[in-house]
Amino acid sequence: MQAADHADSSSETGSGADTLVHMSERPQQPRIAPVVDPDEAQLELLAKAPALPDGTVRNIFTTLLHHPVLLQRFNALAGTFFRFSHITAYERELLIVRVAGRTGSRYEYGQHLALARDAGLSDEVIRAVLLQDGAPALSPEDQLLADVTDELLARGELGDAHWNALAQRYDTPALLEIVLTIGFYRMTADMLKTVGVQLEEQPDLELDWSAIAR
């Protein structure tokens, strides 16, 4: 994609302020309600899905349960990023939190806030990843991952500058994983917003979404 193409695309989709209008138009109720009375086969699938501390299965999984094979494959790929990763949990969660913020996915942010903290991201780093007023600057390493996420979300590809910077720090499997992590969670964010999947609980770290969402 050439720079001119990107500029044209940006003018069509609008500015960050325009995006906030679109955010207000998102469904306030689920367009596809979660499965509330799963059958035996569905219960077996849900038993393998991550759950809240009280055992409640998250709405994303009970929504995807309408398509059992898709849920299986979704969880298999998501699990790869957690169980067979070539990047650290800290790096993974930084990428995901940035995607959640840039795409305006409150659900994805809420789901990964605790995971990000567990991976070592302080609340101040999380606020910095999400461009909150008064947050400290990110480290050069963290800023690179944030910038790579932004470029990939905006352009659908990486230019040489960011690719070469990544290649100096990461091996080939990690490079592939970084790109696919951003893409997977962008896809997930779009599904969550479009379908209207509802948060189970509000995150305890409030955000000014106008500072981050495009």
N, C-alpha and C. Protein backbone atom coordinates (compact mmCIF):
# COMPACT_ATOMS: atom_id res chain seq x y z
N MET A 1 0.85 -1.19 0.00
CA MET A 1 0.00 0.00 0.00
C MET A 1 0.88 1.24 0.00
N GLN A 2 0.70 2.13 -0.95
CA GLN A 2 1.49 3.34 -1.04
C GLN A 2 0.96 4.38 -0.07
N ALA A 3 1.82 5.40 0.20
CA ALA A 3 1.42 6.43 1.15
C ALA A 3 0.16 7.15 0.68
N ALA A 4 0.05 7.39 -0.64
CA ALA A 4 -1.12 8.07 -1.16
C ALA A 4 -2.38 7.26 -0.91
N ASP A 5 -2.26 5.94 -1.08
CA ASP A 5 -3.41 5.07 -0.84
C ASP A 5 -3.85 5.17 0.61
N HIS A 6 -2.86 5.18 1.51
CA HIS A 6 -3.18 5.25 2.94
C HIS A 6 -3.87 6.57 3.26
N ALA A 7 -3.39 7.65 2.66
CA ALA A 7 -3.99 8.95 2.91
C ALA A 7 -5.44 8.97 2.45
N ASP A 8 -5.69 8.40 1.27
CA ASP A 8 -7.06 8.36 0.76
C ASP A 8 -7.95 7.54 1.68
N SER A 9 -7.42 6.39 2.12
CA SER A 9 -8.19 5.53 3.01
C SER A 9 -8.53 6.24 4.30
N SER A 10 -7.55 7.01 4.85
CA SER A 10 -7.77 7.71 6.10
C SER A 10 -8.86 8.75 5.95
N SER A 11 -8.87 9.45 4.80
CA SER A 11 -9.87 10.48 4.60
C SER A 11 -11.26 9.89 4.50
N GLU A 12 -11.36 8.66 4.00
CA GLU A 12 -12.66 8.01 3.88
C GLU A 12 -13.17 7.53 5.22
N THR A 13 -12.28 6.99 6.04
CA THR A 13 -12.72 6.42 7.31
C THR A 13 -12.89 7.48 8.38
N GLY A 14 -12.21 8.62 8.23
CA GLY A 14 -12.42 9.72 9.15
C GLY A 14 -11.37 9.79 10.23
N SER A 15 -11.45 10.86 11.03
CA SER A 15 -10.48 11.13 12.08
C SER A 15 -10.86 10.39 13.34
N GLY A 16 -10.01 10.58 14.38
CA GLY A 16 -10.31 9.97 15.66
C GLY A 16 -11.63 10.46 16.22
N ALA A 17 -11.94 11.77 16.01
CA ALA A 17 -13.20 12.31 16.50
C ALA A 17 -14.38 11.62 15.83
N ASP A 18 -14.25 11.35 14.52
CA ASP A 18 -15.31 10.64 13.82
C ASP A 18 -15.52 9.26 14.42
N THR A 19 -14.43 8.61 14.78
CA THR A 19 -14.53 7.26 15.34
C THR A 19 -15.33 7.27 16.63
N LEU A 20 -15.20 8.32 17.44
CA LEU A 20 -15.94 8.38 18.69
C LEU A 20 -17.44 8.42 18.43
N VAL A 21 -17.84 9.07 17.34
CA VAL A 21 -19.26 9.06 16.98
C VAL A 21 -19.69 7.64 16.66
N HIS A 22 -18.86 6.94 15.88
CA HIS A 22 -19.18 5.57 15.53
C HIS A 22 -19.25 4.70 16.79
N MET A 23 -18.37 4.95 17.75
CA MET A 23 -18.39 4.15 18.98
C MET A 23 -19.72 4.29 19.69
N SER A 24 -20.32 5.50 19.65
CA SER A 24 -21.59 5.71 20.32
C SER A 24 -22.73 4.99 19.62
N GLU A 25 -22.51 4.60 18.36
CA GLU A 25 -23.54 3.92 17.60
C GLU A 25 -23.46 2.40 17.71
N ARG A 26 -22.51 1.91 18.45
CA ARG A 26 -22.37 0.46 18.59
C ARG A 26 -23.56 -0.11 19.36
N PRO A 27 -23.85 -1.39 19.14
CA PRO A 27 -25.02 -1.98 19.81
C PRO A 27 -24.88 -1.94 21.32
N GLN A 28 -25.93 -1.48 21.98
CA GLN A 28 -25.95 -1.45 23.44
C GLN A 28 -26.37 -2.79 24.03
N GLN A 29 -26.99 -3.62 23.21
CA GLN A 29 -27.38 -4.97 23.60
C GLN A 29 -26.78 -5.94 22.59
N PRO A 30 -26.57 -7.19 22.99
CA PRO A 30 -25.97 -8.15 22.05
C PRO A 30 -26.83 -8.33 20.80
N ARG A 31 -26.18 -8.31 19.65
CA ARG A 31 -26.87 -8.67 18.41
C ARG A 31 -27.01 -10.18 18.30
N ILE A 32 -26.06 -10.89 18.89
CA ILE A 32 -26.14 -12.34 19.01
C ILE A 32 -25.99 -12.66 20.49
N ALA A 33 -27.05 -13.13 21.09
CA ALA A 33 -27.02 -13.40 22.54
C ALA A 33 -26.18 -14.63 22.83
N PRO A 34 -25.48 -14.65 23.95
CA PRO A 34 -24.73 -15.85 24.33
C PRO A 34 -25.66 -17.06 24.51
N VAL A 35 -25.11 -18.23 24.31
CA VAL A 35 -25.86 -19.46 24.57
C VAL A 35 -26.02 -19.60 26.08
N VAL A 36 -27.25 -19.70 26.55
CA VAL A 36 -27.51 -19.77 27.99
C VAL A 36 -27.88 -21.17 28.46
N ASP A 37 -28.23 -22.04 27.54
CA ASP A 37 -28.62 -23.40 27.92
C ASP A 37 -27.88 -24.39 27.03
N PRO A 38 -26.55 -24.52 27.22
CA PRO A 38 -25.77 -25.37 26.33
C PRO A 38 -26.12 -26.84 26.48
N ASP A 39 -26.02 -27.55 25.36
CA ASP A 39 -26.23 -28.99 25.42
C ASP A 39 -24.94 -29.68 25.87
N GLU A 40 -24.96 -30.99 25.92
CA GLU A 40 -23.82 -31.73 26.46
C GLU A 40 -22.55 -31.49 25.66
N ALA A 41 -22.66 -31.50 24.34
CA ALA A 41 -21.48 -31.27 23.50
C ALA A 41 -20.94 -29.86 23.69
N GLN A 42 -21.84 -28.89 23.82
CA GLN A 42 -21.41 -27.51 24.03
C GLN A 42 -20.75 -27.34 25.40
N LEU A 43 -21.28 -28.04 26.39
CA LEU A 43 -20.68 -27.98 27.73
C LEU A 43 -19.24 -28.50 27.72
N GLU A 44 -18.99 -29.52 26.92
CA GLU A 44 -17.63 -30.05 26.81
C GLU A 44 -16.69 -29.00 26.23
N LEU A 45 -17.16 -28.24 25.26
CA LEU A 45 -16.34 -27.17 24.68
C LEU A 45 -16.09 -26.07 25.70
N LEU A 46 -17.13 -25.68 26.42
CA LEU A 46 -16.99 -24.61 27.40
C LEU A 46 -16.06 -25.00 28.54
N ALA A 47 -15.98 -26.28 28.84
CA ALA A 47 -15.09 -26.74 29.91
C ALA A 47 -13.63 -26.45 29.59
N LYS A 48 -13.33 -26.28 28.31
CA LYS A 48 -11.95 -26.01 27.89
C LYS A 48 -11.68 -24.52 27.72
N ALA A 49 -12.71 -23.70 27.90
CA ALA A 49 -12.56 -22.26 27.70
C ALA A 49 -12.14 -21.58 29.00
N PRO A 50 -11.35 -20.52 28.92
CA PRO A 50 -10.99 -19.77 30.13
C PRO A 50 -12.24 -19.23 30.82
N ALA A 51 -12.20 -19.22 32.14
CA ALA A 51 -13.37 -18.78 32.91
C ALA A 51 -12.95 -17.71 33.92
N LEU A 52 -13.93 -17.00 34.43
CA LEU A 52 -13.71 -16.05 35.50
C LEU A 52 -13.41 -16.80 36.80
N PRO A 53 -12.87 -16.10 37.81
CA PRO A 53 -12.54 -16.79 39.07
C PRO A 53 -13.70 -17.56 39.70
N ASP A 54 -14.93 -17.09 39.47
CA ASP A 54 -16.08 -17.79 40.05
C ASP A 54 -16.57 -18.93 39.18
N GLY A 55 -15.85 -19.21 38.09
CA GLY A 55 -16.22 -20.31 37.21
C GLY A 55 -17.09 -19.92 36.04
N THR A 56 -17.56 -18.67 36.01
CA THR A 56 -18.39 -18.21 34.91
C THR A 56 -17.58 -18.15 33.62
N VAL A 57 -18.13 -18.71 32.56
CA VAL A 57 -17.46 -18.65 31.26
C VAL A 57 -17.74 -17.29 30.64
N ARG A 58 -16.72 -16.69 30.08
CA ARG A 58 -16.86 -15.34 29.52
C ARG A 58 -17.83 -15.32 28.34
N ASN A 59 -18.46 -14.16 28.16
CA ASN A 59 -19.46 -14.01 27.11
C ASN A 59 -18.91 -14.22 25.71
N ILE A 60 -17.65 -13.93 25.50
CA ILE A 60 -17.09 -14.15 24.17
C ILE A 60 -17.19 -15.62 23.78
N PHE A 61 -16.95 -16.50 24.74
CA PHE A 61 -16.95 -17.93 24.43
C PHE A 61 -18.37 -18.48 24.30
N THR A 62 -19.29 -18.01 25.15
CA THR A 62 -20.67 -18.48 25.03
C THR A 62 -21.35 -17.90 23.79
N THR A 63 -20.82 -16.79 23.28
CA THR A 63 -21.33 -16.26 22.01
C THR A 63 -20.80 -17.08 20.84
N LEU A 64 -19.50 -17.34 20.84
CA LEU A 64 -18.92 -18.16 19.77
C LEU A 64 -19.44 -19.59 19.80
N LEU A 65 -20.03 -19.98 20.91
CA LEU A 65 -20.56 -21.34 21.04
C LEU A 65 -21.66 -21.63 20.01
N HIS A 66 -22.26 -20.59 19.46
CA HIS A 66 -23.23 -20.80 18.38
C HIS A 66 -22.59 -21.50 17.19
N HIS A 67 -21.26 -21.39 17.07
CA HIS A 67 -20.51 -22.03 15.97
C HIS A 67 -19.42 -22.87 16.63
N PRO A 68 -19.74 -24.08 17.06
CA PRO A 68 -18.81 -24.87 17.87
C PRO A 68 -17.44 -25.09 17.23
N VAL A 69 -17.41 -25.38 15.94
CA VAL A 69 -16.12 -25.60 15.28
C VAL A 69 -15.29 -24.32 15.29
N LEU A 70 -15.94 -23.20 15.04
CA LEU A 70 -15.23 -21.92 15.07
C LEU A 70 -14.68 -21.65 16.47
N LEU A 71 -15.46 -21.94 17.50
CA LEU A 71 -14.98 -21.75 18.87
C LEU A 71 -13.76 -22.61 19.13
N GLN A 72 -13.79 -23.86 18.68
CA GLN A 72 -12.63 -24.74 18.87
C GLN A 72 -11.38 -24.17 18.22
N ARG A 73 -11.52 -23.75 16.98
CA ARG A 73 -10.36 -23.26 16.23
C ARG A 73 -9.88 -21.92 16.79
N PHE A 74 -10.83 -21.09 17.20
CA PHE A 74 -10.50 -19.81 17.81
C PHE A 74 -9.66 -20.02 19.07
N ASN A 75 -10.12 -20.91 19.93
CA ASN A 75 -9.40 -21.18 21.17
C ASN A 75 -8.04 -21.83 20.92
N ALA A 76 -7.97 -22.65 19.87
CA ALA A 76 -6.69 -23.29 19.55
C ALA A 76 -5.65 -22.26 19.15
N LEU A 77 -6.04 -21.31 18.30
CA LEU A 77 -5.08 -20.29 17.88
C LEU A 77 -4.75 -19.35 19.02
N ALA A 78 -5.78 -18.91 19.76
CA ALA A 78 -5.52 -18.04 20.90
C ALA A 78 -4.60 -18.73 21.91
N GLY A 79 -4.83 -20.01 22.14
CA GLY A 79 -4.00 -20.75 23.07
C GLY A 79 -2.56 -20.86 22.64
N THR A 80 -2.33 -20.87 21.33
CA THR A 80 -0.96 -20.93 20.82
C THR A 80 -0.16 -19.73 21.29
N PHE A 81 -0.79 -18.55 21.30
CA PHE A 81 -0.09 -17.34 21.73
C PHE A 81 0.27 -17.39 23.21
N PHE A 82 -0.43 -18.19 23.97
CA PHE A 82 -0.17 -18.28 25.41
C PHE A 82 0.74 -19.46 25.76
N ARG A 83 0.57 -20.57 25.09
CA ARG A 83 1.25 -21.80 25.51
C ARG A 83 2.52 -22.10 24.73
N PHE A 84 2.63 -21.58 23.53
CA PHE A 84 3.78 -21.89 22.69
C PHE A 84 4.43 -20.62 22.16
N SER A 85 4.52 -19.63 23.01
CA SER A 85 4.91 -18.30 22.57
C SER A 85 6.43 -18.16 22.43
N HIS A 86 6.82 -17.35 21.45
CA HIS A 86 8.23 -16.98 21.27
C HIS A 86 8.48 -15.53 21.70
N ILE A 87 7.45 -14.88 22.24
CA ILE A 87 7.63 -13.58 22.86
C ILE A 87 7.17 -13.71 24.32
N THR A 88 7.53 -12.75 25.14
CA THR A 88 7.17 -12.83 26.56
C THR A 88 5.69 -12.49 26.75
N ALA A 89 5.15 -12.92 27.89
CA ALA A 89 3.77 -12.56 28.22
C ALA A 89 3.62 -11.04 28.31
N TYR A 90 4.64 -10.38 28.80
CA TYR A 90 4.62 -8.91 28.88
C TYR A 90 4.46 -8.31 27.49
N GLU A 91 5.24 -8.78 26.55
CA GLU A 91 5.17 -8.25 25.18
C GLU A 91 3.83 -8.56 24.54
N ARG A 92 3.36 -9.78 24.75
CA ARG A 92 2.06 -10.17 24.18
C ARG A 92 0.95 -9.27 24.70
N GLU A 93 0.90 -9.07 26.00
CA GLU A 93 -0.19 -8.28 26.57
C GLU A 93 -0.08 -6.81 26.20
N LEU A 94 1.14 -6.31 26.05
CA LEU A 94 1.29 -4.93 25.59
C LEU A 94 0.68 -4.77 24.20
N LEU A 95 0.96 -5.71 23.32
CA LEU A 95 0.38 -5.67 21.98
C LEU A 95 -1.14 -5.70 22.04
N ILE A 96 -1.68 -6.60 22.85
CA ILE A 96 -3.14 -6.77 22.91
C ILE A 96 -3.81 -5.54 23.50
N VAL A 97 -3.24 -4.98 24.56
CA VAL A 97 -3.82 -3.79 25.16
C VAL A 97 -3.80 -2.63 24.17
N ARG A 98 -2.72 -2.51 23.40
CA ARG A 98 -2.66 -1.45 22.39
C ARG A 98 -3.72 -1.66 21.32
N VAL A 99 -3.89 -2.90 20.87
CA VAL A 99 -4.93 -3.20 19.89
C VAL A 99 -6.30 -2.85 20.46
N ALA A 100 -6.56 -3.26 21.69
CA ALA A 100 -7.86 -3.00 22.31
C ALA A 100 -8.13 -1.50 22.37
N GLY A 101 -7.13 -0.73 22.73
CA GLY A 101 -7.31 0.71 22.80
C GLY A 101 -7.52 1.34 21.45
N ARG A 102 -6.66 1.01 20.51
CA ARG A 102 -6.74 1.62 19.18
C ARG A 102 -8.03 1.26 18.45
N THR A 103 -8.56 0.08 18.71
CA THR A 103 -9.80 -0.33 18.06
C THR A 103 -11.04 0.05 18.87
N GLY A 104 -10.82 0.58 20.07
CA GLY A 104 -11.95 0.96 20.91
C GLY A 104 -12.72 -0.22 21.46
N SER A 105 -12.04 -1.35 21.67
CA SER A 105 -12.72 -2.55 22.17
C SER A 105 -12.65 -2.58 23.69
N ARG A 106 -13.71 -2.11 24.32
CA ARG A 106 -13.76 -2.12 25.78
C ARG A 106 -13.75 -3.55 26.32
N TYR A 107 -14.38 -4.46 25.61
CA TYR A 107 -14.40 -5.85 26.08
C TYR A 107 -12.99 -6.43 26.07
N GLU A 108 -12.28 -6.25 24.98
CA GLU A 108 -10.93 -6.81 24.89
C GLU A 108 -10.03 -6.20 25.95
N TYR A 109 -10.17 -4.89 26.17
CA TYR A 109 -9.39 -4.24 27.23
C TYR A 109 -9.76 -4.82 28.60
N GLY A 110 -11.06 -4.93 28.87
CA GLY A 110 -11.49 -5.45 30.16
C GLY A 110 -11.03 -6.87 30.40
N GLN A 111 -11.03 -7.68 29.35
CA GLN A 111 -10.63 -9.08 29.48
C GLN A 111 -9.13 -9.20 29.73
N HIS A 112 -8.35 -8.29 29.18
CA HIS A 112 -6.90 -8.44 29.25
C HIS A 112 -6.24 -7.55 30.29
N LEU A 113 -6.99 -6.72 30.99
CA LEU A 113 -6.38 -5.87 32.01
C LEU A 113 -5.69 -6.72 33.08
N ALA A 114 -6.39 -7.70 33.62
CA ALA A 114 -5.80 -8.56 34.65
C ALA A 114 -4.63 -9.36 34.08
N LEU A 115 -4.77 -9.83 32.85
CA LEU A 115 -3.69 -10.59 32.22
C LEU A 115 -2.46 -9.72 32.04
N ALA A 116 -2.67 -8.47 31.66
CA ALA A 116 -1.55 -7.55 31.48
C ALA A 116 -0.85 -7.30 32.81
N ARG A 117 -1.62 -7.10 33.85
CA ARG A 117 -1.02 -6.89 35.17
C ARG A 117 -0.24 -8.13 35.61
N ASP A 118 -0.83 -9.30 35.40
CA ASP A 118 -0.15 -10.54 35.77
C ASP A 118 1.15 -10.72 34.99
N ALA A 119 1.19 -10.19 33.77
CA ALA A 119 2.38 -10.32 32.93
C ALA A 119 3.45 -9.29 33.27
N GLY A 120 3.15 -8.39 34.20
CA GLY A 120 4.16 -7.44 34.65
C GLY A 120 3.96 -6.01 34.20
N LEU A 121 2.89 -5.72 33.48
CA LEU A 121 2.62 -4.34 33.10
C LEU A 121 2.01 -3.61 34.29
N SER A 122 2.66 -2.56 34.73
CA SER A 122 2.10 -1.74 35.80
C SER A 122 0.94 -0.93 35.25
N ASP A 123 0.12 -0.40 36.16
CA ASP A 123 -0.98 0.45 35.70
C ASP A 123 -0.46 1.67 34.96
N GLU A 124 0.69 2.18 35.37
CA GLU A 124 1.25 3.34 34.68
C GLU A 124 1.69 2.98 33.26
N VAL A 125 2.26 1.80 33.09
CA VAL A 125 2.62 1.36 31.74
C VAL A 125 1.37 1.15 30.90
N ILE A 126 0.35 0.55 31.48
CA ILE A 126 -0.91 0.35 30.75
C ILE A 126 -1.49 1.69 30.33
N ARG A 127 -1.46 2.66 31.22
CA ARG A 127 -1.96 3.99 30.88
C ARG A 127 -1.12 4.61 29.77
N ALA A 128 0.18 4.37 29.80
CA ALA A 128 1.04 4.90 28.75
C ALA A 128 0.76 4.22 27.41
N VAL A 129 0.56 2.92 27.44
CA VAL A 129 0.22 2.19 26.21
C VAL A 129 -1.06 2.75 25.60
N LEU A 130 -1.96 3.22 26.47
CA LEU A 130 -3.25 3.73 26.03
C LEU A 130 -3.29 5.25 25.96
N LEU A 131 -2.11 5.87 25.95
CA LEU A 131 -1.97 7.31 25.68
C LEU A 131 -2.78 8.19 26.62
N GLN A 132 -2.83 7.82 27.88
CA GLN A 132 -3.60 8.59 28.84
C GLN A 132 -2.81 9.80 29.33
N ASP A 133 -3.51 10.90 29.57
CA ASP A 133 -2.86 12.12 30.04
C ASP A 133 -2.11 11.85 31.34
N GLY A 134 -0.90 12.38 31.42
CA GLY A 134 -0.10 12.25 32.62
C GLY A 134 0.65 10.95 32.76
N ALA A 135 0.47 10.03 31.82
CA ALA A 135 1.19 8.75 31.88
C ALA A 135 2.64 8.97 31.50
N PRO A 136 3.55 8.19 32.06
CA PRO A 136 4.97 8.33 31.71
C PRO A 136 5.24 7.83 30.30
N ALA A 137 6.40 8.21 29.79
CA ALA A 137 6.80 7.71 28.48
C ALA A 137 7.11 6.22 28.57
N LEU A 138 6.83 5.52 27.50
CA LEU A 138 7.19 4.10 27.43
C LEU A 138 8.68 3.95 27.21
N SER A 139 9.22 2.81 27.61
CA SER A 139 10.61 2.50 27.28
C SER A 139 10.75 2.38 25.77
N PRO A 140 11.95 2.54 25.22
CA PRO A 140 12.12 2.39 23.77
C PRO A 140 11.63 1.04 23.25
N GLU A 141 11.86 -0.02 24.03
CA GLU A 141 11.42 -1.35 23.60
C GLU A 141 9.89 -1.43 23.55
N ASP A 142 9.24 -0.90 24.58
CA ASP A 142 7.78 -0.93 24.61
C ASP A 142 7.20 -0.01 23.54
N GLN A 143 7.84 1.13 23.34
CA GLN A 143 7.34 2.07 22.33
C GLN A 143 7.40 1.47 20.94
N LEU A 144 8.44 0.69 20.67
CA LEU A 144 8.55 0.04 19.37
C LEU A 144 7.35 -0.88 19.14
N LEU A 145 7.00 -1.68 20.13
CA LEU A 145 5.85 -2.58 19.98
C LEU A 145 4.56 -1.80 19.79
N ALA A 146 4.41 -0.70 20.52
CA ALA A 146 3.21 0.13 20.35
C ALA A 146 3.16 0.73 18.96
N ASP A 147 4.29 1.22 18.47
CA ASP A 147 4.33 1.83 17.14
C ASP A 147 4.09 0.81 16.04
N VAL A 148 4.65 -0.37 16.21
CA VAL A 148 4.43 -1.45 15.24
C VAL A 148 2.94 -1.79 15.18
N THR A 149 2.31 -1.87 16.34
CA THR A 149 0.88 -2.15 16.38
C THR A 149 0.10 -1.08 15.64
N ASP A 150 0.44 0.17 15.89
CA ASP A 150 -0.27 1.27 15.23
C ASP A 150 -0.13 1.20 13.72
N GLU A 151 1.08 0.96 13.24
CA GLU A 151 1.29 0.93 11.80
C GLU A 151 0.54 -0.25 11.16
N LEU A 152 0.61 -1.40 11.80
CA LEU A 152 -0.05 -2.57 11.22
C LEU A 152 -1.57 -2.38 11.21
N LEU A 153 -2.12 -1.78 12.26
CA LEU A 153 -3.56 -1.53 12.29
C LEU A 153 -3.96 -0.50 11.24
N ALA A 154 -3.12 0.50 11.05
CA ALA A 154 -3.48 1.58 10.13
C ALA A 154 -3.28 1.20 8.67
N ARG A 155 -2.22 0.44 8.38
CA ARG A 155 -1.85 0.19 7.00
C ARG A 155 -2.05 -1.24 6.54
N GLY A 156 -2.16 -2.16 7.49
CA GLY A 156 -2.26 -3.57 7.13
C GLY A 156 -0.94 -4.18 6.72
N GLU A 157 0.15 -3.48 6.98
CA GLU A 157 1.50 -3.97 6.68
C GLU A 157 2.50 -3.11 7.44
N LEU A 158 3.76 -3.56 7.46
CA LEU A 158 4.83 -2.81 8.10
C LEU A 158 5.84 -2.36 7.06
N GLY A 159 6.30 -1.13 7.20
CA GLY A 159 7.38 -0.65 6.37
C GLY A 159 8.72 -1.17 6.87
N ASP A 160 9.76 -0.87 6.11
CA ASP A 160 11.09 -1.38 6.45
C ASP A 160 11.59 -0.88 7.80
N ALA A 161 11.27 0.35 8.15
CA ALA A 161 11.82 0.93 9.38
C ALA A 161 11.41 0.11 10.60
N HIS A 162 10.13 -0.13 10.74
CA HIS A 162 9.67 -0.90 11.90
C HIS A 162 10.03 -2.37 11.78
N TRP A 163 9.95 -2.92 10.58
CA TRP A 163 10.32 -4.33 10.42
C TRP A 163 11.78 -4.56 10.79
N ASN A 164 12.65 -3.71 10.30
CA ASN A 164 14.08 -3.88 10.59
C ASN A 164 14.37 -3.67 12.08
N ALA A 165 13.65 -2.75 12.70
CA ALA A 165 13.84 -2.55 14.14
C ALA A 165 13.41 -3.79 14.92
N LEU A 166 12.31 -4.39 14.52
CA LEU A 166 11.89 -5.64 15.16
C LEU A 166 12.89 -6.75 14.93
N ALA A 167 13.38 -6.85 13.69
CA ALA A 167 14.28 -7.95 13.32
C ALA A 167 15.60 -7.88 14.07
N GLN A 168 15.96 -6.71 14.57
CA GLN A 168 17.18 -6.60 15.37
C GLN A 168 16.99 -7.17 16.78
N ARG A 169 15.75 -7.31 17.20
CA ARG A 169 15.47 -7.75 18.57
C ARG A 169 14.87 -9.15 18.65
N TYR A 170 14.21 -9.60 17.58
CA TYR A 170 13.45 -10.85 17.66
C TYR A 170 13.87 -11.82 16.57
N ASP A 171 13.74 -13.12 16.88
CA ASP A 171 14.02 -14.14 15.87
C ASP A 171 12.80 -14.32 14.96
N THR A 172 12.94 -15.17 13.96
CA THR A 172 11.89 -15.31 12.96
C THR A 172 10.56 -15.78 13.54
N PRO A 173 10.53 -16.82 14.40
CA PRO A 173 9.23 -17.21 14.98
C PRO A 173 8.56 -16.06 15.74
N ALA A 174 9.35 -15.29 16.47
CA ALA A 174 8.78 -14.18 17.23
C ALA A 174 8.23 -13.09 16.31
N LEU A 175 8.92 -12.84 15.20
CA LEU A 175 8.42 -11.85 14.25
C LEU A 175 7.05 -12.25 13.70
N LEU A 176 6.94 -13.52 13.33
CA LEU A 176 5.65 -14.01 12.84
C LEU A 176 4.58 -13.88 13.92
N GLU A 177 4.95 -14.20 15.14
CA GLU A 177 3.99 -14.18 16.23
C GLU A 177 3.51 -12.77 16.53
N ILE A 178 4.41 -11.81 16.48
CA ILE A 178 4.02 -10.42 16.73
C ILE A 178 2.98 -9.96 15.72
N VAL A 179 3.25 -10.22 14.45
CA VAL A 179 2.31 -9.79 13.41
C VAL A 179 0.96 -10.50 13.57
N LEU A 180 1.00 -11.80 13.83
CA LEU A 180 -0.24 -12.55 13.94
C LEU A 180 -1.00 -12.23 15.23
N THR A 181 -0.30 -11.91 16.30
CA THR A 181 -0.98 -11.51 17.53
C THR A 181 -1.78 -10.24 17.30
N ILE A 182 -1.15 -9.26 16.68
CA ILE A 182 -1.85 -8.01 16.39
C ILE A 182 -3.06 -8.27 15.50
N GLY A 183 -2.86 -9.07 14.46
CA GLY A 183 -3.96 -9.35 13.54
C GLY A 183 -5.08 -10.14 14.18
N PHE A 184 -4.74 -11.12 15.00
CA PHE A 184 -5.76 -11.95 15.65
C PHE A 184 -6.62 -11.11 16.59
N TYR A 185 -5.98 -10.26 17.38
CA TYR A 185 -6.75 -9.49 18.34
C TYR A 185 -7.46 -8.32 17.69
N ARG A 186 -6.98 -7.85 16.54
CA ARG A 186 -7.77 -6.89 15.76
C ARG A 186 -9.05 -7.57 15.25
N MET A 187 -8.92 -8.75 14.70
CA MET A 187 -10.08 -9.51 14.25
C MET A 187 -11.07 -9.73 15.39
N THR A 188 -10.54 -10.12 16.54
CA THR A 188 -11.39 -10.38 17.70
C THR A 188 -12.10 -9.12 18.16
N ALA A 189 -11.38 -8.00 18.20
CA ALA A 189 -11.99 -6.74 18.60
C ALA A 189 -13.13 -6.36 17.67
N ASP A 190 -12.93 -6.53 16.37
CA ASP A 190 -13.98 -6.20 15.41
C ASP A 190 -15.21 -7.07 15.62
N MET A 191 -15.00 -8.35 15.89
CA MET A 191 -16.14 -9.24 16.15
C MET A 191 -16.87 -8.82 17.41
N LEU A 192 -16.13 -8.55 18.47
CA LEU A 192 -16.74 -8.18 19.75
C LEU A 192 -17.61 -6.94 19.62
N LYS A 193 -17.10 -5.94 18.91
CA LYS A 193 -17.84 -4.69 18.75
C LYS A 193 -19.06 -4.87 17.85
N THR A 194 -18.88 -5.60 16.76
CA THR A 194 -19.97 -5.77 15.80
C THR A 194 -21.10 -6.60 16.37
N VAL A 195 -20.76 -7.67 17.06
CA VAL A 195 -21.77 -8.57 17.61
C VAL A 195 -22.39 -8.00 18.89
N GLY A 196 -21.66 -7.10 19.55
CA GLY A 196 -22.17 -6.50 20.77
C GLY A 196 -21.98 -7.36 22.00
N VAL A 197 -20.85 -8.08 22.06
CA VAL A 197 -20.56 -8.91 23.24
C VAL A 197 -20.38 -7.99 24.45
N GLN A 198 -21.08 -8.30 25.53
CA GLN A 198 -21.12 -7.42 26.70
C GLN A 198 -20.08 -7.83 27.75
N LEU A 199 -19.46 -6.82 28.36
CA LEU A 199 -18.52 -7.07 29.44
C LEU A 199 -19.21 -7.74 30.62
N GLU A 200 -18.52 -8.70 31.23
CA GLU A 200 -19.04 -9.34 32.44
C GLU A 200 -18.90 -8.42 33.66
N GLU A 201 -17.84 -7.65 33.68
CA GLU A 201 -17.59 -6.74 34.79
C GLU A 201 -16.76 -5.58 34.27
N GLN A 202 -16.96 -4.41 34.85
CA GLN A 202 -16.24 -3.23 34.40
C GLN A 202 -14.81 -3.25 34.94
N PRO A 203 -13.83 -2.91 34.10
CA PRO A 203 -12.44 -2.86 34.58
C PRO A 203 -12.27 -1.76 35.61
N ASP A 204 -11.34 -1.99 36.55
CA ASP A 204 -11.16 -1.02 37.63
C ASP A 204 -10.14 0.06 37.29
N LEU A 205 -9.60 0.05 36.09
CA LEU A 205 -8.70 1.11 35.64
C LEU A 205 -9.42 1.87 34.54
N GLU A 206 -10.00 3.01 34.90
CA GLU A 206 -10.81 3.77 33.96
C GLU A 206 -9.92 4.46 32.93
N LEU A 207 -10.48 4.64 31.73
CA LEU A 207 -9.73 5.24 30.63
C LEU A 207 -10.49 6.41 30.04
N ASP A 208 -9.72 7.34 29.47
CA ASP A 208 -10.28 8.33 28.56
C ASP A 208 -10.13 7.75 27.16
N TRP A 209 -11.20 7.16 26.65
CA TRP A 209 -11.10 6.46 25.37
C TRP A 209 -10.84 7.40 24.21
N SER A 210 -11.19 8.68 24.38
CA SER A 210 -10.94 9.63 23.29
C SER A 210 -9.45 9.86 23.07
N ALA A 211 -8.63 9.49 24.05
CA ALA A 211 -7.19 9.69 23.92
C ALA A 211 -6.51 8.62 23.08
N ILE A 212 -7.17 7.48 22.90
CA ILE A 212 -6.49 6.35 22.27
C ILE A 212 -7.20 5.83 21.04
N ALA A 213 -8.52 5.69 21.08
CA ALA A 213 -9.22 5.04 19.97
C ALA A 213 -9.17 5.89 18.72
N ARG A 214 -8.91 5.25 17.60
CA ARG A 214 -8.85 5.95 16.32
C ARG A 214 -10.27 6.24 15.84
